[in-house]
Amino acid sequence: MMVADLPNDLEWEILSRVPATSLKELQTTCKRWYALFRDPRFVKNNLSKAATHVIFNARSGYSVTDINTLIHSINLRGIQNSFDPLLGVQGKLNRLKDSEQDKICDIFSHCDGLILCDTYEYGRLVVWNPCTGQTRLIQANILVISNRYVLGYVNNKKSCNSYKILTFNSLLCLVDSSRAKFEIYEFDSDLWRVLDDIHPDCCPISKGVTLKGNAYWFASDNESKFILKFDFTRERLGRLCIPFQKNYADQTVLLSVVREEKLALLQQWFDTDSSKMNIWVTKTKIDDDNKDLSWCNFLVVDFGKVILTSDALSYMSFFIDEEDKMVVCSDTRIDTKTRTRIYFAKEGIQVHQDIAQKPNKCWPFLVSYVPSLVQIQ
């Protein structure tokens, strides 16, 4: 039987299980597939079945012509099978299609296979789909170095998502959160606007993550610590519970996303002679109906005599493989020389690997990434 003879629903189901990186190469096979791979319903279905990859961002300002050698993709499935902590380039990512003067210096946020990047051209952002190579350049409205950005969307079930970017001044949130203002950029209108009725009255501490279109941070005010949520559909802030009560003076708390379904929270602190890590995962999938979060303890790691400094944890990130009970962390240690270390911990097994960085001031971090065919509007 030829592919053309298959029932449409069966053909749809088969193709939706093919990785987006392969579908991209097949889109010119016929007009029907070309149209299908741009159908928002198909793209969402394919994205829901996609395997997670991880981008290793060197944040070192290389030209886009070198981007293929700077961003490394780790296939989680390969790690599961062998627990081999060796990093390498897995395939090639599409280069940015703009001039070489646009140099990526940071990755702010990501969702649906789209990555929001900062460039060395002051105030210029770029949204990039590494799978398709499609990009969109965006001029920031307020040029403040301490501004943070996070990508999210309004979930349209029957059509493509309406993407937005939220920004706020993290330094002002720290000094006087009552004066901090949030601004939002809409892809549909190509305009920035101030959210006059949004006041955080707290300080987001961690880097923001996006899940199901909404943004989440670990945050605190004068009385408590919690998860701060921004709903891109309602354009409202909310507070959700965290799984721990005890705090440490030198602790680091980070958030991550698990398979585009759950949140993971990492708490790491320093004891008298070792560094310790506790990781929690939300018990249920995150959706718009969650009034609060319910957590379960995922993994406890004691690194023993392998002591990390507080400087290293300033540039730390992590992701977990829930199925295989494993966590992978990245941090940069700055002492006599700058170097990045990758940590693998799996049910009591810890593996530590140093990765030399060049130039000296690179602060890499891991970004969970799902290749997709999402079109940047």
Protein backbone atom coordinates (compact mmCIF):
# COMPACT_ATOMS: atom_id res chain seq x y z
CA MET A 1 0.00 0.00 0.00
CA MET A 2 1.31 3.44 -0.94
CA VAL A 3 1.30 6.28 1.58
CA ALA A 4 -1.18 8.11 -0.60
CA ASP A 5 -3.63 5.19 -0.17
CA LEU A 6 -3.70 5.43 3.61
CA PRO A 7 -6.81 6.88 5.28
CA ASN A 8 -6.25 10.51 6.20
CA ASP A 9 -6.62 9.93 9.94
CA LEU A 10 -4.10 7.07 9.89
CA GLU A 11 -1.64 9.11 7.82
CA TRP A 12 -2.06 11.99 10.29
CA GLU A 13 -1.41 9.71 13.28
CA ILE A 14 1.71 8.16 11.72
CA LEU A 15 3.21 11.49 10.67
CA SER A 16 2.45 13.10 14.03
CA ARG A 17 4.86 10.62 15.64
CA VAL A 18 7.73 11.53 13.31
CA PRO A 19 10.24 13.99 14.86
CA ALA A 20 9.82 17.58 13.67
CA THR A 21 13.43 17.63 12.47
CA SER A 22 12.57 14.86 9.98
CA LEU A 23 9.21 16.33 9.00
CA LYS A 24 10.96 19.53 8.05
CA GLU A 25 12.88 17.60 5.38
CA LEU A 26 9.68 15.93 4.14
CA GLN A 27 7.52 19.04 3.78
CA THR A 28 8.33 19.48 0.09
CA THR A 29 7.36 15.88 -0.73
CA CYS A 30 3.86 16.94 -1.78
CA LYS A 31 1.47 19.88 -1.42
CA ARG A 32 -0.73 17.92 0.99
CA TRP A 33 2.10 17.35 3.44
CA TYR A 34 3.33 20.92 3.03
CA ALA A 35 -0.10 22.17 4.10
CA LEU A 36 -0.46 19.52 6.81
CA PHE A 37 2.83 20.42 8.51
CA ARG A 38 1.55 24.01 8.83
CA ASP A 39 -1.83 23.03 10.23
CA PRO A 40 -1.85 24.30 13.88
CA ARG A 41 -3.76 21.21 15.02
CA PHE A 42 -1.17 18.87 13.52
CA VAL A 43 1.72 20.95 14.87
CA LYS A 44 0.28 20.79 18.41
CA ASN A 45 -0.29 17.02 18.10
CA ASN A 46 3.26 16.47 16.88
CA LEU A 47 4.66 18.67 19.64
CA SER A 48 2.81 16.69 22.32
CA LYS A 49 4.55 13.49 21.17
CA ALA A 50 8.01 14.96 20.66
CA ALA A 51 11.07 13.75 22.56
CA THR A 52 12.83 16.25 24.79
CA HIS A 53 16.28 17.52 23.88
CA VAL A 54 18.52 19.88 25.82
CA ILE A 55 20.36 22.90 24.53
CA PHE A 56 23.68 23.73 26.12
CA ASN A 57 23.98 27.51 25.75
CA ALA A 58 27.53 28.85 25.87
CA ARG A 59 26.45 32.51 26.24
CA SER A 60 29.75 33.65 24.82
CA GLY A 61 28.75 35.92 21.97
CA TYR A 62 30.03 33.99 18.98
CA SER A 63 28.81 34.99 15.53
CA VAL A 64 25.84 33.10 14.16
CA THR A 65 28.11 31.37 11.65
CA ASP A 66 29.51 29.41 14.60
CA ILE A 67 26.16 28.62 16.17
CA ASN A 68 26.28 24.93 15.20
CA THR A 69 29.42 24.43 17.26
CA LEU A 70 28.16 26.41 20.24
CA ILE A 71 24.82 24.80 21.00
CA HIS A 72 24.90 21.16 21.89
CA SER A 73 21.88 18.90 21.97
CA ILE A 74 21.66 15.98 24.36
CA ASN A 75 19.12 13.30 23.55
CA LEU A 76 17.61 12.15 26.82
CA ARG A 77 16.86 8.71 25.43
CA GLY A 78 20.56 8.06 24.88
CA ILE A 79 21.34 9.04 28.47
CA GLN A 80 18.59 6.75 29.78
CA ASN A 81 19.93 3.70 28.00
CA SER A 82 23.53 3.94 29.10
CA PHE A 83 23.80 6.71 31.69
CA ASP A 84 26.85 7.90 29.80
CA PRO A 85 27.60 11.51 30.80
CA LEU A 86 29.38 12.50 27.60
CA LEU A 87 28.23 15.62 25.82
CA GLY A 88 28.32 15.98 22.09
CA VAL A 89 26.63 17.60 19.15
CA GLN A 90 23.53 15.71 18.14
CA GLY A 91 22.62 16.77 14.62
CA LYS A 92 22.84 20.33 13.34
CA LEU A 93 20.63 23.22 14.30
CA ASN A 94 19.67 25.79 11.70
CA ARG A 95 21.67 28.99 11.77
CA LEU A 96 19.94 32.27 12.34
CA LYS A 97 19.01 33.73 8.99
CA ASP A 98 20.04 37.27 9.77
CA SER A 99 23.30 39.19 9.43
CA GLU A 100 26.35 38.10 11.36
CA GLN A 101 26.20 41.23 13.53
CA ASP A 102 23.43 39.55 15.48
CA LYS A 103 25.21 37.52 18.11
CA ILE A 104 23.32 35.55 20.71
CA CYS A 105 24.56 36.44 24.18
CA ASP A 106 21.83 34.76 26.23
CA ILE A 107 18.72 32.61 26.10
CA PHE A 108 15.96 34.23 28.11
CA SER A 109 13.12 31.79 27.69
CA HIS A 110 11.55 29.13 25.49
CA CYS A 111 8.27 27.36 24.80
CA ASP A 112 6.74 25.26 22.00
CA GLY A 113 10.16 24.84 20.39
CA LEU A 114 10.63 28.63 20.13
CA ILE A 115 13.57 30.27 21.90
CA LEU A 116 13.69 33.89 23.03
CA CYS A 117 17.27 35.14 22.80
CA ASP A 118 19.13 38.30 23.68
CA THR A 119 21.72 39.70 21.27
CA TYR A 120 24.74 41.93 21.65
CA GLU A 121 22.92 44.63 19.74
CA TYR A 122 21.55 46.52 22.72
CA GLY A 123 17.80 46.19 23.11
CA ARG A 124 17.37 43.78 20.25
CA LEU A 125 15.67 40.43 20.89
CA VAL A 126 15.23 37.51 18.54
CA VAL A 127 12.67 34.70 18.65
CA TRP A 128 14.12 31.65 16.94
CA ASN A 129 12.89 28.22 15.95
CA PRO A 130 16.12 26.16 15.66
CA CYS A 131 14.25 23.34 13.90
CA THR A 132 12.89 25.40 11.00
CA GLY A 133 15.42 28.23 11.11
CA GLN A 134 12.63 30.81 11.24
CA THR A 135 13.29 33.98 13.25
CA ARG A 136 11.61 37.20 14.29
CA LEU A 137 13.51 40.28 15.44
CA ILE A 138 11.94 42.39 18.20
CA GLN A 139 13.03 45.75 19.54
CA ALA A 140 12.76 46.01 23.32
CA ASN A 141 10.62 48.93 24.47
CA ILE A 142 12.68 49.94 27.50
CA LEU A 143 16.42 49.48 27.33
CA VAL A 144 17.37 48.39 30.85
CA ILE A 145 20.14 45.87 31.44
CA SER A 146 18.40 44.39 34.49
CA ASN A 147 15.19 43.63 32.58
CA ARG A 148 14.10 39.99 32.45
CA TYR A 149 12.08 38.51 29.61
CA VAL A 150 9.89 35.43 29.36
CA LEU A 151 8.03 33.99 26.37
CA GLY A 152 4.47 32.69 26.72
CA TYR A 153 1.20 32.42 24.85
CA VAL A 154 -2.57 32.55 24.89
CA ASN A 155 -3.73 28.98 24.31
CA ASN A 156 -6.05 28.82 21.30
CA LYS A 157 -7.19 25.21 21.11
CA LYS A 158 -8.38 25.28 17.50
CA SER A 159 -5.82 27.62 15.99
CA CYS A 160 -2.20 28.59 16.47
CA ASN A 161 -1.20 30.03 19.83
CA SER A 162 -0.97 33.82 20.23
CA TYR A 163 2.56 34.42 21.51
CA LYS A 164 3.55 37.18 23.91
CA ILE A 165 6.67 38.37 25.75
CA LEU A 166 6.58 39.62 29.32
CA THR A 167 9.32 41.85 30.74
CA PHE A 168 10.05 43.52 34.06
CA ASN A 169 12.97 45.17 35.85
CA SER A 170 14.40 42.57 38.23
CA LEU A 171 16.56 45.15 40.05
CA LEU A 172 13.55 47.35 40.78
CA CYS A 173 11.64 44.31 42.03
CA LEU A 174 14.48 43.69 44.47
CA VAL A 175 14.75 47.31 45.68
CA ASP A 176 11.07 48.34 45.66
CA SER A 177 8.70 45.77 44.19
CA SER A 178 5.69 48.08 44.59
CA ARG A 179 7.15 50.34 41.88
CA ALA A 180 8.00 47.56 39.45
CA LYS A 181 6.02 47.55 36.22
CA PHE A 182 5.34 44.71 33.84
CA GLU A 183 5.22 45.24 30.09
CA ILE A 184 3.96 42.85 27.47
CA TYR A 185 4.67 42.47 23.76
CA GLU A 186 2.08 40.89 21.47
CA PHE A 187 3.22 39.16 18.30
CA ASP A 188 -0.14 39.83 16.63
CA SER A 189 0.04 43.62 17.04
CA ASP A 190 3.84 44.02 17.10
CA LEU A 191 3.44 46.46 20.01
CA TRP A 192 4.54 46.79 23.63
CA ARG A 193 2.12 47.99 26.32
CA VAL A 194 2.35 48.56 30.08
CA LEU A 195 0.22 46.41 32.39
CA ASP A 196 -0.85 49.24 34.67
CA ASP A 197 -2.84 47.09 37.07
CA ILE A 198 -0.12 44.48 37.62
CA HIS A 199 2.15 44.96 40.65
CA PRO A 200 4.16 41.94 41.87
CA ASP A 201 4.81 43.16 45.44
CA CYS A 202 7.53 40.52 45.55
CA CYS A 203 10.89 39.68 44.03
CA PRO A 204 11.21 36.88 41.43
CA ILE A 205 14.46 35.13 42.36
CA SER A 206 14.90 32.31 39.85
CA LYS A 207 14.98 32.44 36.09
CA GLY A 208 11.45 32.18 34.70
CA VAL A 209 10.21 29.02 32.99
CA THR A 210 7.20 28.61 30.71
CA LEU A 211 4.74 25.73 30.94
CA LYS A 212 1.44 25.44 29.05
CA GLY A 213 1.87 29.04 27.95
CA ASN A 214 2.22 30.52 31.47
CA ALA A 215 5.35 31.75 33.26
CA TYR A 216 6.61 30.64 36.68
CA TRP A 217 9.34 31.92 39.03
CA PHE A 218 10.55 31.10 42.51
CA ALA A 219 9.87 34.35 44.39
CA SER A 220 9.73 35.92 47.84
CA ASP A 221 8.41 38.88 49.79
CA ASN A 222 9.07 40.01 53.35
CA GLU A 223 7.00 37.20 54.82
CA SER A 224 7.24 34.09 52.66
CA LYS A 225 8.59 32.28 49.62
CA PHE A 226 6.39 30.84 46.87
CA ILE A 227 5.96 30.16 43.15
CA LEU A 228 4.90 33.27 41.25
CA LYS A 229 2.74 32.58 38.20
CA PHE A 230 1.85 34.87 35.31
CA ASP A 231 -1.18 33.84 33.27
CA PHE A 232 -0.68 35.11 29.71
CA THR A 233 -4.36 34.63 28.85
CA ARG A 234 -5.82 36.58 31.77
CA GLU A 235 -2.70 38.73 32.19
CA ARG A 236 -2.77 38.23 35.94
CA LEU A 237 -0.27 37.21 38.63
CA GLY A 238 -0.89 34.45 41.17
CA ARG A 239 0.97 32.73 44.00
CA LEU A 240 1.37 28.98 44.42
CA CYS A 241 2.86 26.91 47.24
CA ILE A 242 6.38 25.50 47.40
CA PRO A 243 7.17 22.01 48.81
CA PHE A 244 9.63 23.02 51.53
CA GLN A 245 9.48 25.25 54.57
CA LYS A 246 13.08 25.24 55.81
CA ASN A 247 15.36 27.83 54.22
CA TYR A 248 19.15 28.07 54.28
CA ALA A 249 21.20 31.26 54.19
CA ASP A 250 23.22 30.16 51.18
CA GLN A 251 20.60 28.12 49.34
CA THR A 252 19.92 28.16 45.61
CA VAL A 253 16.42 27.44 44.31
CA LEU A 254 15.69 26.81 40.63
CA LEU A 255 12.72 25.80 38.50
CA SER A 256 12.61 23.54 35.47
CA VAL A 257 9.97 21.95 33.22
CA VAL A 258 9.39 18.19 32.97
CA ARG A 259 8.24 16.92 29.57
CA GLU A 260 6.16 20.06 29.00
CA GLU A 261 3.74 18.72 31.63
CA LYS A 262 5.05 19.37 35.16
CA LEU A 263 7.22 21.71 37.17
CA ALA A 264 10.39 20.63 38.96
CA LEU A 265 11.99 22.56 41.81
CA LEU A 266 15.58 22.21 42.97
CA GLN A 267 16.84 23.40 46.37
CA GLN A 268 20.58 23.19 46.93
CA TRP A 269 22.47 24.30 50.02
CA PHE A 270 25.88 23.95 51.67
CA ASP A 271 26.41 21.92 54.80
CA THR A 272 29.53 21.86 56.96
CA ASP A 273 31.49 19.59 54.65
CA SER A 274 29.32 18.97 51.59
CA SER A 275 26.68 20.32 49.26
CA LYS A 276 23.20 18.83 49.27
CA MET A 277 20.35 18.92 46.79
CA ASN A 278 16.65 18.22 47.10
CA ILE A 279 14.37 18.00 44.06
CA TRP A 280 10.58 18.00 43.95
CA VAL A 281 8.18 17.45 41.04
CA THR A 282 4.50 18.40 40.87
CA LYS A 283 2.27 15.36 41.31
CA THR A 284 -0.11 16.14 38.47
CA LYS A 285 0.13 17.79 35.07
CA ILE A 286 -0.06 21.56 35.07
CA ASP A 287 -3.11 23.17 33.44
CA ASP A 288 -5.15 26.37 33.72
CA ASP A 289 -7.40 24.82 36.38
CA ASN A 290 -4.61 24.36 38.95
CA LYS A 291 -5.56 26.43 42.00
CA ASP A 292 -2.37 25.38 43.76
CA LEU A 293 0.45 22.89 43.38
CA SER A 294 0.89 19.47 44.98
CA TRP A 295 4.49 18.23 45.13
CA CYS A 296 6.28 14.90 45.64
CA ASN A 297 9.91 14.43 46.56
CA PHE A 298 11.80 13.23 43.48
CA LEU A 299 15.44 12.87 44.47
CA VAL A 300 17.82 13.72 47.30
CA VAL A 301 21.49 14.10 46.41
CA ASP A 302 24.41 14.43 48.79
CA PHE A 303 27.54 15.39 46.90
CA GLY A 304 29.75 14.57 49.88
CA LYS A 305 33.18 16.10 49.65
CA VAL A 306 32.54 17.51 46.17
CA ILE A 307 31.90 21.03 47.42
CA LEU A 308 30.43 23.65 45.13
CA THR A 309 31.03 27.32 45.81
CA SER A 310 28.27 29.91 45.94
CA ASP A 311 29.79 31.58 42.87
CA ALA A 312 29.27 28.39 40.88
CA LEU A 313 25.62 28.24 41.83
CA SER A 314 25.02 31.75 40.51
CA TYR A 315 25.10 30.22 37.04
CA MET A 316 23.32 26.93 37.57
CA SER A 317 20.51 25.14 35.78
CA PHE A 318 19.07 21.63 35.70
CA PHE A 319 16.63 19.25 34.10
CA ILE A 320 15.29 15.88 35.16
CA ASP A 321 14.32 12.63 33.51
CA GLU A 322 11.31 11.58 35.58
CA GLU A 323 11.03 8.13 34.00
CA ASP A 324 14.63 7.17 34.73
CA LYS A 325 14.88 9.00 38.07
CA MET A 326 17.81 11.17 37.03
CA VAL A 327 18.86 14.81 37.29
CA VAL A 328 21.42 16.65 35.16
CA CYS A 329 22.84 19.94 36.43
CA SER A 330 25.14 22.52 34.90
CA ASP A 331 27.04 25.22 36.78
CA THR A 332 30.03 27.43 36.27
CA ARG A 333 32.81 27.58 38.81
CA ILE A 334 34.95 30.71 38.94
CA ASP A 335 38.20 30.41 40.85
CA THR A 336 41.67 30.41 39.30
CA LYS A 337 40.01 29.72 35.97
CA THR A 338 36.47 29.60 34.67
CA ARG A 339 35.09 26.17 33.94
CA THR A 340 31.71 24.55 33.56
CA ARG A 341 30.80 21.31 35.28
CA ILE A 342 28.00 18.92 34.39
CA TYR A 343 26.55 16.78 37.19
CA PHE A 344 24.57 13.58 36.70
CA ALA A 345 22.79 12.06 39.68
CA LYS A 346 20.71 8.91 39.46
CA GLU A 347 19.33 7.05 42.48
CA GLY A 348 22.38 7.57 44.64
CA ILE A 349 24.92 7.61 41.79
CA GLN A 350 26.70 10.90 41.19
CA VAL A 351 28.92 11.56 38.20
CA HIS A 352 30.84 14.82 37.88
CA GLN A 353 32.35 16.05 34.67
CA ASP A 354 34.33 19.21 33.97
CA ILE A 355 33.96 20.94 30.63
CA ALA A 356 36.54 23.62 29.87
CA GLN A 357 35.03 26.82 28.52
CA LYS A 358 36.51 29.34 26.16
CA PRO A 359 36.61 32.33 26.39
CA ASN A 360 36.94 32.58 30.16
CA LYS A 361 33.68 34.37 30.95
CA CYS A 362 31.02 31.99 29.65
CA TRP A 363 28.21 31.03 31.98
CA PRO A 364 26.46 28.10 30.32
CA PHE A 365 23.17 26.61 31.30
CA LEU A 366 20.90 23.83 30.13
CA VAL A 367 17.61 24.52 28.38
CA SER A 368 15.05 21.77 27.92
CA TYR A 369 14.02 21.99 24.28
CA VAL A 370 11.41 20.24 22.14
CA PRO A 371 11.97 20.66 18.36
CA SER A 372 8.76 21.77 16.67
CA LEU A 373 7.25 23.01 13.42
CA VAL A 374 5.60 26.00 15.12
CA GLN A 375 5.48 28.98 12.78
CA ILE A 376 6.59 32.34 14.18
CA GLN A 377 3.81 34.74 13.24
